[in-house]
Amino acid sequence: MKNRTRAYYRHQRRRVIEKKLDIVRHLWGKDEADPIPHPFIVNPGKLAKAKLHCSCVMCKYEKHFNISKHTVVSKLAVMQQEVDEYWSEE
């Protein structure tokens, strides 16, 4: 394991917080100008460990339009091929 300095960990934490704050501000539409600001904007340090789950159509395209992911499609194709081989042997 590498010996990393406090500065490295501070940099990584700050980078993650800024990335998530950008999501809160631009995708969720929350700002400091709101009458009741979002708790993440008041205390951005909470974003270091917070999970920002987005279920919008843009982020969960496959879910909203019932499109199977490539990994699922390829696994189903392999399974179908195995079944076809099994039945063709008889």
PDB file of N, CA and C in Angstrom:
ATOM      1  N   MET A   1       0.849  -1.181   0.000  1.00  0.00           N
ATOM      2  CA  MET A   1       0.000   0.000   0.000  1.00  0.00           C
ATOM      3  C   MET A   1       0.889   1.237   0.000  1.00  0.00           C
ATOM      4  N   LYS A   2       0.505   2.208  -0.780  1.00  0.00           N
ATOM      5  CA  LYS A   2       1.301   3.429  -0.873  1.00  0.00           C
ATOM      6  C   LYS A   2       1.046   4.313   0.343  1.00  0.00           C
ATOM      7  N   ASN A   3       2.082   5.005   0.729  1.00  0.00           N
ATOM      8  CA  ASN A   3       1.925   5.992   1.793  1.00  0.00           C
ATOM      9  C   ASN A   3       1.441   7.283   1.160  1.00  0.00           C
ATOM     10  N   ARG A   4       0.253   7.671   1.523  1.00  0.00           N
ATOM     11  CA  ARG A   4      -0.330   8.872   0.939  1.00  0.00           C
ATOM     12  C   ARG A   4      -0.438   9.946   2.011  1.00  0.00           C
ATOM     13  N   THR A   5      -0.288  11.160   1.598  1.00  0.00           N
ATOM     14  CA  THR A   5      -0.295  12.270   2.546  1.00  0.00           C
ATOM     15  C   THR A   5      -1.714  12.736   2.830  1.00  0.00           C
ATOM     16  N   ARG A   6      -1.822  13.578   3.834  1.00  0.00           N
ATOM     17  CA  ARG A   6      -3.126  14.167   4.153  1.00  0.00           C
ATOM     18  C   ARG A   6      -3.616  15.031   2.999  1.00  0.00           C
ATOM     19  N   ALA A   7      -2.683  15.671   2.336  1.00  0.00           N
ATOM     20  CA  ALA A   7      -3.054  16.535   1.212  1.00  0.00           C
ATOM     21  C   ALA A   7      -3.723  15.734   0.105  1.00  0.00           C
ATOM     22  N   TYR A   8      -3.246  14.519  -0.125  1.00  0.00           N
ATOM     23  CA  TYR A   8      -3.839  13.665  -1.149  1.00  0.00           C
ATOM     24  C   TYR A   8      -5.285  13.335  -0.791  1.00  0.00           C
ATOM     25  N   TYR A   9      -5.494  12.923   0.453  1.00  0.00           N
ATOM     26  CA  TYR A   9      -6.847  12.570   0.884  1.00  0.00           C
ATOM     27  C   TYR A   9      -7.767  13.788   0.893  1.00  0.00           C
ATOM     28  N   ARG A  10      -7.251  14.943   1.276  1.00  0.00           N
ATOM     29  CA  ARG A  10      -8.055  16.168   1.234  1.00  0.00           C
ATOM     30  C   ARG A  10      -8.448  16.510  -0.204  1.00  0.00           C
ATOM     31  N   HIS A  11      -7.496  16.348  -1.109  1.00  0.00           N
ATOM     32  CA  HIS A  11      -7.770  16.630  -2.516  1.00  0.00           C
ATOM     33  C   HIS A  11      -8.869  15.709  -3.053  1.00  0.00           C
ATOM     34  N   GLN A  12      -8.776  14.420  -2.769  1.00  0.00           N
ATOM     35  CA  GLN A  12      -9.761  13.463  -3.259  1.00  0.00           C
ATOM     36  C   GLN A  12     -11.139  13.753  -2.673  1.00  0.00           C
ATOM     37  N   ARG A  13     -11.185  14.064  -1.381  1.00  0.00           N
ATOM     38  CA  ARG A  13     -12.463  14.364  -0.730  1.00  0.00           C
ATOM     39  C   ARG A  13     -13.084  15.618  -1.343  1.00  0.00           C
ATOM     40  N   ARG A  14     -12.275  16.646  -1.523  1.00  0.00           N
ATOM     41  CA  ARG A  14     -12.770  17.889  -2.109  1.00  0.00           C
ATOM     42  C   ARG A  14     -13.253  17.670  -3.540  1.00  0.00           C
ATOM     43  N   ARG A  15     -12.534  16.821  -4.304  1.00  0.00           N
ATOM     44  CA  ARG A  15     -12.913  16.535  -5.690  1.00  0.00           C
ATOM     45  C   ARG A  15     -14.280  15.857  -5.744  1.00  0.00           C
ATOM     46  N   VAL A  16     -14.500  14.884  -4.860  1.00  0.00           N
ATOM     47  CA  VAL A  16     -15.775  14.161  -4.831  1.00  0.00           C
ATOM     48  C   VAL A  16     -16.912  15.090  -4.406  1.00  0.00           C
ATOM     49  N   ILE A  17     -16.651  15.921  -3.414  1.00  0.00           N
ATOM     50  CA  ILE A  17     -17.676  16.852  -2.944  1.00  0.00           C
ATOM     51  C   ILE A  17     -18.062  17.828  -4.053  1.00  0.00           C
ATOM     52  N   GLU A  18     -17.086  18.364  -4.773  1.00  0.00           N
ATOM     53  CA  GLU A  18     -17.381  19.304  -5.853  1.00  0.00           C
ATOM     54  C   GLU A  18     -18.188  18.643  -6.969  1.00  0.00           C
ATOM     55  N   LYS A  19     -17.867  17.404  -7.277  1.00  0.00           N
ATOM     56  CA  LYS A  19     -18.596  16.679  -8.326  1.00  0.00           C
ATOM     57  C   LYS A  19     -20.057  16.493  -7.926  1.00  0.00           C
ATOM     58  N   LYS A  20     -20.295  16.086  -6.690  1.00  0.00           N
ATOM     59  CA  LYS A  20     -21.660  15.858  -6.223  1.00  0.00           C
ATOM     60  C   LYS A  20     -22.410  17.174  -6.030  1.00  0.00           C
ATOM     61  N   LEU A  21     -21.705  18.224  -5.607  1.00  0.00           N
ATOM     62  CA  LEU A  21     -22.344  19.529  -5.470  1.00  0.00           C
ATOM     63  C   LEU A  21     -22.800  20.041  -6.831  1.00  0.00           C
ATOM     64  N   ASP A  22     -22.023  19.760  -7.865  1.00  0.00           N
ATOM     65  CA  ASP A  22     -22.408  20.143  -9.218  1.00  0.00           C
ATOM     66  C   ASP A  22     -23.703  19.436  -9.621  1.00  0.00           C
ATOM     67  N   ILE A  23     -23.853  18.177  -9.243  1.00  0.00           N
ATOM     68  CA  ILE A  23     -25.085  17.439  -9.532  1.00  0.00           C
ATOM     69  C   ILE A  23     -26.254  18.064  -8.791  1.00  0.00           C
ATOM     70  N   VAL A  24     -26.068  18.386  -7.516  1.00  0.00           N
ATOM     71  CA  VAL A  24     -27.146  18.988  -6.721  1.00  0.00           C
ATOM     72  C   VAL A  24     -27.561  20.326  -7.314  1.00  0.00           C
ATOM     73  N   ARG A  25     -26.591  21.119  -7.728  1.00  0.00           N
ATOM     74  CA  ARG A  25     -26.916  22.451  -8.231  1.00  0.00           C
ATOM     75  C   ARG A  25     -27.546  22.425  -9.611  1.00  0.00           C
ATOM     76  N   HIS A  26     -26.984  21.645 -10.527  1.00  0.00           N
ATOM     77  CA  HIS A  26     -27.419  21.737 -11.912  1.00  0.00           C
ATOM     78  C   HIS A  26     -28.489  20.723 -12.302  1.00  0.00           C
ATOM     79  N   LEU A  27     -28.420  19.513 -11.804  1.00  0.00           N
ATOM     80  CA  LEU A  27     -29.436  18.524 -12.175  1.00  0.00           C
ATOM     81  C   LEU A  27     -30.657  18.579 -11.273  1.00  0.00           C
ATOM     82  N   TRP A  28     -30.430  18.777  -9.984  1.00  0.00           N
ATOM     83  CA  TRP A  28     -31.557  18.865  -9.057  1.00  0.00           C
ATOM     84  C   TRP A  28     -32.156  20.260  -9.018  1.00  0.00           C
ATOM     85  N   GLY A  29     -31.428  21.257  -9.512  1.00  0.00           N
ATOM     86  CA  GLY A  29     -31.942  22.621  -9.558  1.00  0.00           C
ATOM     87  C   GLY A  29     -31.952  23.317  -8.209  1.00  0.00           C
ATOM     88  N   LYS A  30     -31.097  22.908  -7.300  1.00  0.00           N
ATOM     89  CA  LYS A  30     -31.038  23.537  -5.984  1.00  0.00           C
ATOM     90  C   LYS A  30     -29.948  24.592  -5.994  1.00  0.00           C
ATOM     91  N   ASP A  31     -30.192  25.710  -5.321  1.00  0.00           N
ATOM     92  CA  ASP A  31     -29.232  26.807  -5.279  1.00  0.00           C
ATOM     93  C   ASP A  31     -29.211  27.417  -3.887  1.00  0.00           C
ATOM     94  N   GLU A  32     -28.215  28.291  -3.669  1.00  0.00           N
ATOM     95  CA  GLU A  32     -28.161  29.013  -2.404  1.00  0.00           C
ATOM     96  C   GLU A  32     -29.278  30.052  -2.328  1.00  0.00           C
ATOM     97  N   ALA A  33     -29.831  30.451  -3.475  1.00  0.00           N
ATOM     98  CA  ALA A  33     -30.850  31.492  -3.520  1.00  0.00           C
ATOM     99  C   ALA A  33     -32.227  30.986  -3.097  1.00  0.00           C
ATOM    100  N   ASP A  34     -32.401  29.664  -2.973  1.00  0.00           N
ATOM    101  CA  ASP A  34     -33.700  29.130  -2.548  1.00  0.00           C
ATOM    102  C   ASP A  34     -34.025  29.609  -1.135  1.00  0.00           C
ATOM    103  N   PRO A  35     -35.329  29.809  -0.844  1.00  0.00           N
ATOM    104  CA  PRO A  35     -35.695  30.264   0.513  1.00  0.00           C
ATOM    105  C   PRO A  35     -35.262  29.258   1.592  1.00  0.00           C
ATOM    106  N   ILE A  36     -35.417  27.980   1.314  1.00  0.00           N
ATOM    107  CA  ILE A  36     -34.946  26.933   2.225  1.00  0.00           C
ATOM    108  C   ILE A  36     -33.910  26.129   1.445  1.00  0.00           C
ATOM    109  N   PRO A  37     -32.623  26.403   1.667  1.00  0.00           N
ATOM    110  CA  PRO A  37     -31.590  25.707   0.877  1.00  0.00           C
ATOM    111  C   PRO A  37     -31.510  24.228   1.225  1.00  0.00           C
ATOM    112  N   HIS A  38     -31.071  23.463   0.278  1.00  0.00           N
ATOM    113  CA  HIS A  38     -30.902  22.018   0.463  1.00  0.00           C
ATOM    114  C   HIS A  38     -29.823  21.772   1.518  1.00  0.00           C
ATOM    115  N   PRO A  39     -29.998  20.748   2.378  1.00  0.00           N
ATOM    116  CA  PRO A  39     -28.993  20.479   3.417  1.00  0.00           C
ATOM    117  C   PRO A  39     -27.588  20.225   2.877  1.00  0.00           C
ATOM    118  N   PHE A  40     -27.478  19.664   1.677  1.00  0.00           N
ATOM    119  CA  PHE A  40     -26.170  19.419   1.099  1.00  0.00           C
ATOM    120  C   PHE A  40     -25.465  20.714   0.710  1.00  0.00           C
ATOM    121  N   ILE A  41     -26.245  21.742   0.372  1.00  0.00           N
ATOM    122  CA  ILE A  41     -25.638  23.016   0.016  1.00  0.00           C
ATOM    123  C   ILE A  41     -25.198  23.758   1.273  1.00  0.00           C
ATOM    124  N   VAL A  42     -25.977  23.612   2.349  1.00  0.00           N
ATOM    125  CA  VAL A  42     -25.609  24.252   3.612  1.00  0.00           C
ATOM    126  C   VAL A  42     -24.353  23.599   4.188  1.00  0.00           C
ATOM    127  N   ASN A  43     -24.304  22.272   4.193  1.00  0.00           N
ATOM    128  CA  ASN A  43     -23.168  21.517   4.716  1.00  0.00           C
ATOM    129  C   ASN A  43     -22.629  20.602   3.624  1.00  0.00           C
ATOM    130  N   PRO A  44     -21.782  21.098   2.741  1.00  0.00           N
ATOM    131  CA  PRO A  44     -21.320  20.279   1.619  1.00  0.00           C
ATOM    132  C   PRO A  44     -20.438  19.099   2.027  1.00  0.00           C
ATOM    133  N   GLY A  45     -19.883  19.116   3.232  1.00  0.00           N
ATOM    134  CA  GLY A  45     -19.047  18.009   3.681  1.00  0.00           C
ATOM    135  C   GLY A  45     -19.806  16.700   3.775  1.00  0.00           C
ATOM    136  N   LYS A  46     -21.125  16.762   3.905  1.00  0.00           N
ATOM    137  CA  LYS A  46     -21.948  15.547   3.960  1.00  0.00           C
ATOM    138  C   LYS A  46     -21.919  14.783   2.641  1.00  0.00           C
ATOM    139  N   LEU A  47     -21.564  15.478   1.578  1.00  0.00           N
ATOM    140  CA  LEU A  47     -21.532  14.836   0.266  1.00  0.00           C
ATOM    141  C   LEU A  47     -20.359  13.879   0.112  1.00  0.00           C
ATOM    142  N   ALA A  48     -19.400  13.905   1.021  1.00  0.00           N
ATOM    143  CA  ALA A  48     -18.231  13.041   0.904  1.00  0.00           C
ATOM    144  C   ALA A  48     -18.647  11.577   0.964  1.00  0.00           C
ATOM    145  N   LYS A  49     -19.643  11.268   1.771  1.00  0.00           N
ATOM    146  CA  LYS A  49     -20.081   9.879   1.890  1.00  0.00           C
ATOM    147  C   LYS A  49     -21.510   9.675   1.406  1.00  0.00           C
ATOM    148  N   ALA A  50     -22.170  10.726   0.977  1.00  0.00           N
ATOM    149  CA  ALA A  50     -23.564  10.618   0.563  1.00  0.00           C
ATOM    150  C   ALA A  50     -23.674   9.952  -0.798  1.00  0.00           C
ATOM    151  N   LYS A  51     -24.758   9.249  -1.000  1.00  0.00           N
ATOM    152  CA  LYS A  51     -25.048   8.629  -2.289  1.00  0.00           C
ATOM    153  C   LYS A  51     -26.096   9.488  -2.986  1.00  0.00           C
ATOM    154  N   LEU A  52     -25.827   9.859  -4.206  1.00  0.00           N
ATOM    155  CA  LEU A  52     -26.767  10.650  -4.989  1.00  0.00           C
ATOM    156  C   LEU A  52     -27.373   9.743  -6.050  1.00  0.00           C
ATOM    157  N   HIS A  53     -28.500   9.175  -5.742  1.00  0.00           N
ATOM    158  CA  HIS A  53     -29.145   8.277  -6.684  1.00  0.00           C
ATOM    159  C   HIS A  53     -30.114   9.074  -7.538  1.00  0.00           C
ATOM    160  N   CYS A  54     -29.929   8.971  -8.807  1.00  0.00           N
ATOM    161  CA  CYS A  54     -30.775   9.685  -9.744  1.00  0.00           C
ATOM    162  C   CYS A  54     -31.594   8.663 -10.524  1.00  0.00           C
ATOM    163  N   SER A  55     -32.871   8.889 -10.636  1.00  0.00           N
ATOM    164  CA  SER A  55     -33.707   7.964 -11.383  1.00  0.00           C
ATOM    165  C   SER A  55     -34.388   8.661 -12.552  1.00  0.00           C
ATOM    166  N   CYS A  56     -33.775   9.711 -13.052  1.00  0.00           N
ATOM    167  CA  CYS A  56     -34.369  10.426 -14.180  1.00  0.00           C
ATOM    168  C   CYS A  56     -34.221   9.599 -15.457  1.00  0.00           C
ATOM    169  N   VAL A  57     -34.948   9.973 -16.474  1.00  0.00           N
ATOM    170  CA  VAL A  57     -34.935   9.241 -17.737  1.00  0.00           C
ATOM    171  C   VAL A  57     -33.552   9.283 -18.377  1.00  0.00           C
ATOM    172  N   MET A  58     -32.832  10.376 -18.182  1.00  0.00           N
ATOM    173  CA  MET A  58     -31.522  10.508 -18.787  1.00  0.00           C
ATOM    174  C   MET A  58     -30.518   9.532 -18.157  1.00  0.00           C
ATOM    175  N   CYS A  59     -30.597   9.328 -16.841  1.00  0.00           N
ATOM    176  CA  CYS A  59     -29.639   8.455 -16.150  1.00  0.00           C
ATOM    177  C   CYS A  59     -30.059   6.983 -16.189  1.00  0.00           C
ATOM    178  N   LYS A  60     -31.345   6.719 -16.171  1.00  0.00           N
ATOM    179  CA  LYS A  60     -31.853   5.346 -16.146  1.00  0.00           C
ATOM    180  C   LYS A  60     -32.652   5.048 -17.417  1.00  0.00           C
ATOM    181  N   TYR A  61     -32.019   5.291 -18.559  1.00  0.00           N
ATOM    182  CA  TYR A  61     -32.682   5.139 -19.848  1.00  0.00           C
ATOM    183  C   TYR A  61     -33.194   3.717 -20.049  1.00  0.00           C
ATOM    184  N   GLU A  62     -32.335   2.725 -19.735  1.00  0.00           N
ATOM    185  CA  GLU A  62     -32.701   1.322 -19.945  1.00  0.00           C
ATOM    186  C   GLU A  62     -33.900   0.934 -19.092  1.00  0.00           C
ATOM    187  N   LYS A  63     -33.963   1.465 -17.887  1.00  0.00           N
ATOM    188  CA  LYS A  63     -35.040   1.117 -16.964  1.00  0.00           C
ATOM    189  C   LYS A  63     -36.385   1.660 -17.455  1.00  0.00           C
ATOM    190  N   HIS A  64     -36.392   2.899 -17.911  1.00  0.00           N
ATOM    191  CA  HIS A  64     -37.648   3.533 -18.294  1.00  0.00           C
ATOM    192  C   HIS A  64     -38.198   3.003 -19.616  1.00  0.00           C
ATOM    193  N   PHE A  65     -37.325   2.538 -20.508  1.00  0.00           N
ATOM    194  CA  PHE A  65     -37.781   2.086 -21.806  1.00  0.00           C
ATOM    195  C   PHE A  65     -37.626   0.581 -22.001  1.00  0.00           C
ATOM    196  N   ASN A  66     -37.414  -0.152 -20.898  1.00  0.00           N
ATOM    197  CA  ASN A  66     -37.318  -1.619 -20.902  1.00  0.00           C
ATOM    198  C   ASN A  66     -36.310  -2.132 -21.925  1.00  0.00           C
ATOM    199  N   ILE A  67     -35.127  -1.560 -21.914  1.00  0.00           N
ATOM    200  CA  ILE A  67     -34.048  -1.993 -22.801  1.00  0.00           C
ATOM    201  C   ILE A  67     -33.077  -2.818 -21.975  1.00  0.00           C
ATOM    202  N   SER A  68     -32.794  -4.023 -22.430  1.00  0.00           N
ATOM    203  CA  SER A  68     -31.862  -4.878 -21.707  1.00  0.00           C
ATOM    204  C   SER A  68     -30.438  -4.387 -21.920  1.00  0.00           C
ATOM    205  N   LYS A  69     -29.624  -4.539 -20.887  1.00  0.00           N
ATOM    206  CA  LYS A  69     -28.226  -4.153 -20.995  1.00  0.00           C
ATOM    207  C   LYS A  69     -27.478  -5.173 -21.833  1.00  0.00           C
ATOM    208  N   HIS A  70     -26.333  -4.757 -22.374  1.00  0.00           N
ATOM    209  CA  HIS A  70     -25.556  -5.610 -23.258  1.00  0.00           C
ATOM    210  C   HIS A  70     -25.125  -6.903 -22.555  1.00  0.00           C
ATOM    211  N   THR A  71     -24.738  -6.805 -21.292  1.00  0.00           N
ATOM    212  CA  THR A  71     -24.282  -7.999 -20.573  1.00  0.00           C
ATOM    213  C   THR A  71     -25.410  -9.019 -20.429  1.00  0.00           C
ATOM    214  N   VAL A  72     -26.620  -8.539 -20.173  1.00  0.00           N
ATOM    215  CA  VAL A  72     -27.764  -9.444 -20.028  1.00  0.00           C
ATOM    216  C   VAL A  72     -28.089 -10.093 -21.364  1.00  0.00           C
ATOM    217  N   VAL A  73     -28.056  -9.316 -22.433  1.00  0.00           N
ATOM    218  CA  VAL A  73     -28.359  -9.853 -23.762  1.00  0.00           C
ATOM    219  C   VAL A  73     -27.332 -10.916 -24.157  1.00  0.00           C
ATOM    220  N   SER A  74     -26.055 -10.665 -23.891  1.00  0.00           N
ATOM    221  CA  SER A  74     -25.031 -11.640 -24.265  1.00  0.00           C
ATOM    222  C   SER A  74     -25.147 -12.913 -23.431  1.00  0.00           C
ATOM    223  N   LYS A  75     -25.463 -12.795 -22.152  1.00  0.00           N
ATOM    224  CA  LYS A  75     -25.646 -13.985 -21.316  1.00  0.00           C
ATOM    225  C   LYS A  75     -26.847 -14.803 -21.790  1.00  0.00           C
ATOM    226  N   LEU A  76     -27.919 -14.119 -22.158  1.00  0.00           N
ATOM    227  CA  LEU A  76     -29.096 -14.836 -22.669  1.00  0.00           C
ATOM    228  C   LEU A  76     -28.782 -15.543 -23.978  1.00  0.00           C
ATOM    229  N   ALA A  77     -27.973 -14.919 -24.824  1.00  0.00           N
ATOM    230  CA  ALA A  77     -27.594 -15.548 -26.087  1.00  0.00           C
ATOM    231  C   ALA A  77     -26.768 -16.806 -25.846  1.00  0.00           C
ATOM    232  N   VAL A  78     -25.846 -16.752 -24.896  1.00  0.00           N
ATOM    233  CA  VAL A  78     -25.031 -17.920 -24.575  1.00  0.00           C
ATOM    234  C   VAL A  78     -25.906 -19.035 -24.006  1.00  0.00           C
ATOM    235  N   MET A  79     -26.820 -18.689 -23.136  1.00  0.00           N
ATOM    236  CA  MET A  79     -27.714 -19.701 -22.555  1.00  0.00           C
ATOM    237  C   MET A  79     -28.593 -20.325 -23.629  1.00  0.00           C
ATOM    238  N   GLN A  80     -29.102 -19.501 -24.552  1.00  0.00           N
ATOM    239  CA  GLN A  80     -29.934 -20.034 -25.635  1.00  0.00           C
ATOM    240  C   GLN A  80     -29.130 -20.963 -26.530  1.00  0.00           C
ATOM    241  N   GLN A  81     -27.873 -20.616 -26.781  1.00  0.00           N
ATOM    242  CA  GLN A  81     -27.004 -21.463 -27.597  1.00  0.00           C
ATOM    243  C   GLN A  81     -26.776 -22.814 -26.910  1.00  0.00           C
ATOM    244  N   GLU A  82     -26.582 -22.803 -25.590  1.00  0.00           N
ATOM    245  CA  GLU A  82     -26.393 -24.049 -24.851  1.00  0.00           C
ATOM    246  C   GLU A  82     -27.645 -24.921 -24.913  1.00  0.00           C
ATOM    247  N   VAL A  83     -28.799 -24.303 -24.806  1.00  0.00           N
ATOM    248  CA  VAL A  83     -30.059 -25.053 -24.885  1.00  0.00           C
ATOM    249  C   VAL A  83     -30.227 -25.646 -26.278  1.00  0.00           C
ATOM    250  N   ASP A  84     -29.924 -24.862 -27.310  1.00  0.00           N
ATOM    251  CA  ASP A  84     -30.021 -25.360 -28.680  1.00  0.00           C
ATOM    252  C   ASP A  84     -29.068 -26.534 -28.918  1.00  0.00           C
ATOM    253  N   GLU A  85     -27.854 -26.445 -28.402  1.00  0.00           N
ATOM    254  CA  GLU A  85     -26.896 -27.541 -28.529  1.00  0.00           C
ATOM    255  C   GLU A  85     -27.381 -28.789 -27.807  1.00  0.00           C
ATOM    256  N   TYR A  86     -27.973 -28.602 -26.647  1.00  0.00           N
ATOM    257  CA  TYR A  86     -28.485 -29.736 -25.876  1.00  0.00           C
ATOM    258  C   TYR A  86     -29.575 -30.481 -26.649  1.00  0.00           C
ATOM    259  N   TRP A  87     -30.516 -29.709 -27.247  1.00  0.00           N
ATOM    260  CA  TRP A  87     -31.617 -30.349 -27.961  1.00  0.00           C
ATOM    261  C   TRP A  87     -31.195 -30.921 -29.307  1.00  0.00           C
ATOM    262  N   SER A  88     -30.122 -30.360 -29.893  1.00  0.00           N
ATOM    263  CA  SER A  88     -29.676 -30.873 -31.196  1.00  0.00           C
ATOM    264  C   SER A  88     -28.891 -32.171 -31.052  1.00  0.00           C
ATOM    265  N   GLU A  89     -28.379 -32.473 -29.869  1.00  0.00           N
ATOM    266  CA  GLU A  89     -27.623 -33.699 -29.662  1.00  0.00           C
ATOM    267  C   GLU A  89     -28.513 -34.942 -29.681  1.00  0.00           C
ATOM    268  N   GLU A  90     -29.728 -34.795 -29.331  1.00  0.00           N
ATOM    269  CA  GLU A  90     -30.632 -35.961 -29.239  1.00  0.00           C
ATOM    270  C   GLU A  90     -31.119 -36.428 -30.579  1.00  0.00           C
TER     271      GLU A  90
END
